Protein backbone atom coordinates (compact mmCIF):
# COMPACT_ATOMS: atom_id res chain seq x y z
CA UNK A 1 -64.83 -19.01 -27.92
CA UNK A 2 -62.89 -15.79 -27.36
CA UNK A 3 -64.74 -12.48 -27.48
CA UNK A 4 -63.07 -9.14 -28.14
CA UNK A 5 -64.18 -5.53 -27.65
CA UNK A 6 -63.95 -2.74 -30.24
CA UNK A 7 -60.34 -1.77 -29.42
CA UNK A 8 -59.03 -5.33 -29.15
CA UNK A 9 -60.66 -6.30 -32.44
CA UNK A 10 -58.81 -3.48 -34.17
CA UNK A 11 -55.54 -4.22 -32.36
CA UNK A 12 -55.46 -7.99 -32.84
CA UNK A 13 -57.20 -8.44 -36.18
CA UNK A 14 -56.98 -5.07 -37.92
CA UNK A 15 -60.48 -5.58 -39.23
CA UNK A 16 -63.53 -3.37 -39.13
CA UNK A 17 -63.94 -2.83 -35.42
CA UNK A 18 -67.69 -2.32 -35.75
CA UNK A 19 -67.89 -6.07 -36.36
CA UNK A 20 -66.55 -6.85 -32.87
CA UNK A 21 -68.11 -9.58 -30.73
CA UNK A 22 -69.96 -7.21 -28.40
CA UNK A 23 -71.50 -4.88 -31.01
CA UNK A 24 -75.27 -4.43 -30.53
CA UNK A 25 -75.47 -6.52 -27.35
CA UNK A 26 -77.10 -3.47 -25.78
CA UNK A 27 -79.11 -0.84 -27.63
CA UNK A 28 -78.04 2.75 -28.17
CA UNK A 29 -81.22 3.89 -26.44
CA UNK A 30 -80.31 1.91 -23.30
CA UNK A 31 -76.85 3.47 -23.29
CA UNK A 32 -78.41 6.94 -23.58
CA UNK A 33 -80.48 6.11 -20.49
CA UNK A 34 -77.24 5.36 -18.62
CA UNK A 35 -77.05 1.59 -18.89
CA UNK A 36 -73.85 -0.26 -19.79
CA UNK A 37 -73.11 -3.93 -20.28
CA UNK A 38 -70.58 -5.86 -18.21
CA UNK A 39 -68.59 -8.31 -20.36
CA UNK A 40 -65.39 -10.32 -20.36
CA UNK A 41 -63.06 -9.31 -23.19
CA UNK A 42 -60.18 -11.67 -23.87
CA UNK A 43 -57.84 -8.70 -24.32
CA UNK A 44 -59.01 -6.30 -21.60
CA UNK A 45 -60.55 -8.57 -19.00
CA UNK A 46 -63.75 -7.57 -17.20
CA UNK A 47 -65.00 -4.29 -18.72
CA UNK A 48 -68.12 -2.22 -19.29
CA UNK A 49 -69.15 -1.58 -22.91
CA UNK A 50 -71.57 0.62 -24.83
CA UNK A 51 -73.79 -0.31 -27.81
CA UNK A 52 -70.82 -0.34 -30.23
CA UNK A 53 -68.80 -2.72 -28.07
CA UNK A 54 -66.42 0.07 -27.07
CA UNK A 55 -64.92 -0.02 -23.61
CA UNK A 56 -66.36 2.61 -21.28
CA UNK A 57 -64.66 3.70 -18.09
CA UNK A 58 -66.42 2.63 -14.93
CA UNK A 59 -66.97 4.94 -11.98
CA UNK A 60 -64.08 3.27 -10.14
CA UNK A 61 -61.74 4.00 -13.06
CA UNK A 62 -62.82 7.65 -13.14
CA UNK A 63 -62.15 7.95 -9.41
CA UNK A 64 -58.76 6.28 -9.78
CA UNK A 65 -57.85 8.68 -12.61
CA UNK A 66 -59.02 11.68 -10.63
CA UNK A 67 -56.95 10.74 -7.58
CA UNK A 68 -53.94 9.77 -9.68
CA UNK A 69 -52.72 13.37 -9.95
CA UNK A 70 -49.22 13.61 -8.43
CA UNK A 71 -49.86 17.04 -6.95
CA UNK A 72 -53.17 15.87 -5.48
CA UNK A 73 -51.55 12.84 -3.87
CA UNK A 74 -48.66 14.91 -2.52
CA UNK A 75 -51.07 17.46 -1.05
CA UNK A 76 -53.21 14.70 0.42
CA UNK A 77 -50.18 13.14 2.12
CA UNK A 78 -49.16 16.57 3.40
CA UNK A 79 -52.57 17.13 4.99
CA UNK A 80 -52.59 13.63 6.45
CA UNK A 81 -49.16 14.32 8.00
CA UNK A 82 -50.39 17.63 9.45
CA UNK A 83 -53.51 15.98 10.82
CA UNK A 84 -51.50 13.19 12.47
CA UNK A 85 -49.12 15.71 14.02
CA UNK A 86 -52.01 17.83 15.25
CA UNK A 87 -53.66 14.76 16.78
CA UNK A 88 -50.44 13.84 18.61
CA UNK A 89 -50.07 17.40 19.87
CA UNK A 90 -53.63 17.44 21.19
CA UNK A 91 -53.03 14.16 23.02
CA UNK A 92 -49.82 15.53 24.55
CA UNK A 93 -51.62 18.69 25.67
CA UNK A 94 -54.42 16.64 27.23
CA UNK A 95 -51.90 14.57 29.20
CA UNK A 96 -50.09 17.70 30.35
CA UNK A 97 -53.41 19.21 31.44
CA UNK A 98 -54.24 16.09 33.48
CA UNK A 99 -50.82 16.23 35.21
CA UNK A 100 -51.22 19.90 36.03
CA UNK A 101 -54.72 19.37 37.45
CA UNK A 102 -53.38 16.58 39.66
CA UNK A 103 -50.58 18.85 40.90
CA UNK A 104 -53.07 21.66 41.60
CA UNK A 105 -55.28 19.24 43.60
CA UNK A 106 -52.28 18.08 45.62
CA UNK A 107 -51.20 21.63 46.35
CA UNK A 108 -54.70 22.56 47.53
CA UNK A 109 -54.67 19.76 50.09
C-alpha cells in the first residue's frame, strides 16, 4: 500500500492533509525533544517527518542549501585556486632552493 506525507496528500488527493498516512506516527513531545521519524513517502522518497506527517529537512539538506549559494561557491573555488597556486609556488621555491644549495656546495669544494 502506498503511503504519502502531508504535502503529497494535499498535492495528489486535495484532501485534508492532516489525515495523511504518517500523521501521529511519532508524538509531538518526541519531536520537541529533537526526534524525527524516517519514512518512505511514495511521492518524496526517503524523508524525515514530524508528528503531523510533514516533511522536515535533514541536516544534510540544510548543509546542501547553505553551500548552494552561488557567491559562496564562486568564492570557495577562488580560494581553492589560490591555494593550489600557492602550493605550486612553494614547491617551485623548494626545488630552486635545493638547486642553489647544491651549487653552493660545489663552489665551496
